[in-house]
Amino acid sequence: VARGVYIYFLAKISELLDTVFFVIRKKERQITFLHLYHHTVMPMISWGATKYYPGGHGTLIGVINSFVHIIMYTYYMLAAMGPQYQKFLFWKRHITTLQMHGSPSAPFD
């Protein structure tokens, strides 16, 4: 379990780099307050979890957060695959709701 928590921490670092790449590519429009807040706070939270609580009940929050990211990135993948996949993207409006309720660092929980 501790190894999984460490891998989760590394994933949060890579997601923070996603934000850095947005800035480098001058795609600031894609950086919302929620995105910046989440991708700044989550590496700090996951570092603390990795160092002090690398197992147990706290890992459930990471599992939920990972599930939300799987849903999100599946949507992005389908959207990038072209117009023939648009019919499969009817659930776009539910993603933000899922992000707000499935994120341990969401400001509106």
C-alpha atoms as a PDB file:
ATOM      1  CA  VAL A   1       0.000   0.000   0.000  1.00  0.00           C
ATOM      2  CA  ALA A   2       2.846   2.396   0.851  1.00  0.00           C
ATOM      3  CA  ARG A   3       4.337   1.908  -2.636  1.00  0.00           C
ATOM      4  CA  GLY A   4       0.945   2.729  -4.178  1.00  0.00           C
ATOM      5  CA  VAL A   5       0.750   5.912  -2.095  1.00  0.00           C
ATOM      6  CA  TYR A   6       4.217   6.897  -3.320  1.00  0.00           C
ATOM      7  CA  ILE A   7       3.209   6.281  -6.951  1.00  0.00           C
ATOM      8  CA  TYR A   8       0.109   8.392  -6.331  1.00  0.00           C
ATOM      9  CA  PHE A   9       2.388  11.188  -5.056  1.00  0.00           C
ATOM     10  CA  LEU A  10       4.474  10.953  -8.240  1.00  0.00           C
ATOM     11  CA  ALA A  11       1.277  11.190 -10.302  1.00  0.00           C
ATOM     12  CA  LYS A  12       0.354  14.410  -8.480  1.00  0.00           C
ATOM     13  CA  ILE A  13       3.784  15.850  -9.329  1.00  0.00           C
ATOM     14  CA  SER A  14       3.246  14.961 -13.005  1.00  0.00           C
ATOM     15  CA  GLU A  15      -0.167  16.666 -12.923  1.00  0.00           C
ATOM     16  CA  LEU A  16       1.464  19.793 -11.509  1.00  0.00           C
ATOM     17  CA  LEU A  17       3.867  19.670 -14.461  1.00  0.00           C
ATOM     18  CA  ASP A  18       0.785  19.655 -16.711  1.00  0.00           C
ATOM     19  CA  THR A  19       0.028  23.142 -15.378  1.00  0.00           C
ATOM     20  CA  VAL A  20       3.621  24.227 -15.947  1.00  0.00           C
ATOM     21  CA  PHE A  21       3.377  23.069 -19.569  1.00  0.00           C
ATOM     22  CA  PHE A  22       0.157  25.080 -20.027  1.00  0.00           C
ATOM     23  CA  VAL A  23       2.061  28.183 -18.924  1.00  0.00           C
ATOM     24  CA  ILE A  24       5.072  27.418 -21.127  1.00  0.00           C
ATOM     25  CA  ARG A  25       2.796  26.911 -24.151  1.00  0.00           C
ATOM     26  CA  LYS A  26       0.950  30.156 -23.271  1.00  0.00           C
ATOM     27  CA  LYS A  27      -2.356  28.305 -22.773  1.00  0.00           C
ATOM     28  CA  GLU A  28      -3.326  30.237 -19.631  1.00  0.00           C
ATOM     29  CA  ARG A  29      -7.003  30.111 -20.687  1.00  0.00           C
ATOM     30  CA  GLN A  30      -6.971  26.424 -19.774  1.00  0.00           C
ATOM     31  CA  ILE A  31      -5.857  27.159 -16.210  1.00  0.00           C
ATOM     32  CA  THR A  32      -8.923  27.781 -14.065  1.00  0.00           C
ATOM     33  CA  PHE A  33      -8.861  28.619 -10.372  1.00  0.00           C
ATOM     34  CA  LEU A  34      -9.966  25.067  -9.545  1.00  0.00           C
ATOM     35  CA  HIS A  35      -7.226  23.592 -11.743  1.00  0.00           C
ATOM     36  CA  LEU A  36      -4.519  25.753 -10.184  1.00  0.00           C
ATOM     37  CA  TYR A  37      -5.783  25.204  -6.637  1.00  0.00           C
ATOM     38  CA  HIS A  38      -6.118  21.453  -7.054  1.00  0.00           C
ATOM     39  CA  HIS A  39      -2.799  20.889  -8.821  1.00  0.00           C
ATOM     40  CA  THR A  40      -0.946  23.034  -6.296  1.00  0.00           C
ATOM     41  CA  VAL A  41      -2.517  21.619  -3.135  1.00  0.00           C
ATOM     42  CA  MET A  42      -2.628  17.929  -4.097  1.00  0.00           C
ATOM     43  CA  PRO A  43       1.167  17.433  -4.314  1.00  0.00           C
ATOM     44  CA  MET A  44       1.479  18.932  -0.820  1.00  0.00           C
ATOM     45  CA  ILE A  45      -1.310  16.761   0.594  1.00  0.00           C
ATOM     46  CA  SER A  46      -0.007  13.620  -1.086  1.00  0.00           C
ATOM     47  CA  TRP A  47       3.539  14.343   0.118  1.00  0.00           C
ATOM     48  CA  GLY A  48       2.213  14.490   3.694  1.00  0.00           C
ATOM     49  CA  ALA A  49       0.260  11.290   3.170  1.00  0.00           C
ATOM     50  CA  THR A  50       3.321   9.577   1.699  1.00  0.00           C
ATOM     51  CA  LYS A  51       5.565  10.673   4.555  1.00  0.00           C
ATOM     52  CA  TYR A  52       3.246  10.291   7.555  1.00  0.00           C
ATOM     53  CA  TYR A  53       0.295   8.046   6.561  1.00  0.00           C
ATOM     54  CA  PRO A  54       1.348   5.735   3.717  1.00  0.00           C
ATOM     55  CA  GLY A  55      -1.561   3.349   4.194  1.00  0.00           C
ATOM     56  CA  GLY A  56      -4.876   2.912   5.869  1.00  0.00           C
ATOM     57  CA  HIS A  57      -8.136   4.803   5.489  1.00  0.00           C
ATOM     58  CA  GLY A  58      -6.579   7.962   4.038  1.00  0.00           C
ATOM     59  CA  THR A  59      -5.759   6.139   0.819  1.00  0.00           C
ATOM     60  CA  LEU A  60      -9.476   6.028  -0.059  1.00  0.00           C
ATOM     61  CA  ILE A  61      -9.347   9.752  -0.892  1.00  0.00           C
ATOM     62  CA  GLY A  62      -6.548   9.039  -3.368  1.00  0.00           C
ATOM     63  CA  VAL A  63      -8.545   6.225  -4.953  1.00  0.00           C
ATOM     64  CA  ILE A  64     -11.545   8.536  -5.401  1.00  0.00           C
ATOM     65  CA  ASN A  65      -9.321  11.274  -6.856  1.00  0.00           C
ATOM     66  CA  SER A  66      -7.731   8.779  -9.252  1.00  0.00           C
ATOM     67  CA  PHE A  67     -11.179   7.604 -10.368  1.00  0.00           C
ATOM     68  CA  VAL A  68     -12.152  11.207 -11.165  1.00  0.00           C
ATOM     69  CA  HIS A  69      -8.956  11.639 -13.191  1.00  0.00           C
ATOM     70  CA  ILE A  70      -9.623   8.415 -15.122  1.00  0.00           C
ATOM     71  CA  ILE A  71     -13.080   9.720 -16.078  1.00  0.00           C
ATOM     72  CA  MET A  72     -11.654  13.139 -17.032  1.00  0.00           C
ATOM     73  CA  TYR A  73      -8.807  11.846 -19.153  1.00  0.00           C
ATOM     74  CA  THR A  74     -11.091   9.326 -20.873  1.00  0.00           C
ATOM     75  CA  TYR A  75     -13.296  12.264 -21.860  1.00  0.00           C
ATOM     76  CA  TYR A  76     -10.274  14.249 -23.126  1.00  0.00           C
ATOM     77  CA  MET A  77      -9.062  11.242 -25.113  1.00  0.00           C
ATOM     78  CA  LEU A  78     -12.457  10.751 -26.790  1.00  0.00           C
ATOM     79  CA  ALA A  79     -12.708  14.492 -27.529  1.00  0.00           C
ATOM     80  CA  ALA A  80      -9.250  14.444 -29.145  1.00  0.00           C
ATOM     81  CA  MET A  81     -10.102  11.437 -31.325  1.00  0.00           C
ATOM     82  CA  GLY A  82     -12.269  13.554 -33.625  1.00  0.00           C
ATOM     83  CA  PRO A  83     -15.848  14.431 -34.473  1.00  0.00           C
ATOM     84  CA  GLN A  84     -16.957  10.825 -34.958  1.00  0.00           C
ATOM     85  CA  TYR A  85     -16.672  10.402 -31.176  1.00  0.00           C
ATOM     86  CA  GLN A  86     -18.742  13.493 -30.274  1.00  0.00           C
ATOM     87  CA  LYS A  87     -21.842  11.336 -29.731  1.00  0.00           C
ATOM     88  CA  PHE A  88     -20.021   9.634 -26.850  1.00  0.00           C
ATOM     89  CA  LEU A  89     -19.371  12.940 -25.053  1.00  0.00           C
ATOM     90  CA  PHE A  90     -22.894  13.619 -23.760  1.00  0.00           C
ATOM     91  CA  TRP A  91     -21.632  13.408 -20.169  1.00  0.00           C
ATOM     92  CA  LYS A  92     -19.362  16.482 -20.357  1.00  0.00           C
ATOM     93  CA  ARG A  93     -21.520  18.577 -17.983  1.00  0.00           C
ATOM     94  CA  HIS A  94     -21.284  15.908 -15.285  1.00  0.00           C
ATOM     95  CA  ILE A  95     -17.477  15.950 -15.203  1.00  0.00           C
ATOM     96  CA  THR A  96     -17.249  19.299 -13.380  1.00  0.00           C
ATOM     97  CA  THR A  97     -19.737  18.085 -10.772  1.00  0.00           C
ATOM     98  CA  LEU A  98     -17.696  14.913 -10.341  1.00  0.00           C
ATOM     99  CA  GLN A  99     -14.519  16.994 -10.026  1.00  0.00           C
ATOM    100  CA  MET A 100     -16.076  19.205  -7.355  1.00  0.00           C
ATOM    101  CA  HIS A 101     -17.349  16.316  -5.257  1.00  0.00           C
ATOM    102  CA  GLY A 102     -14.586  13.798  -5.932  1.00  0.00           C
ATOM    103  CA  SER A 103     -11.624  15.979  -5.136  1.00  0.00           C
ATOM    104  CA  PRO A 104     -10.219  16.190  -1.624  1.00  0.00           C
ATOM    105  CA  SER A 105      -8.895  19.683  -2.351  1.00  0.00           C
ATOM    106  CA  ALA A 106     -11.978  21.068  -4.093  1.00  0.00           C
ATOM    107  CA  PRO A 107     -12.735  24.453  -2.525  1.00  0.00           C
ATOM    108  CA  PHE A 108     -16.508  23.992  -2.558  1.00  0.00           C
ATOM    109  CA  ASP A 109     -16.902  20.567  -0.870  1.00  0.00           C
END
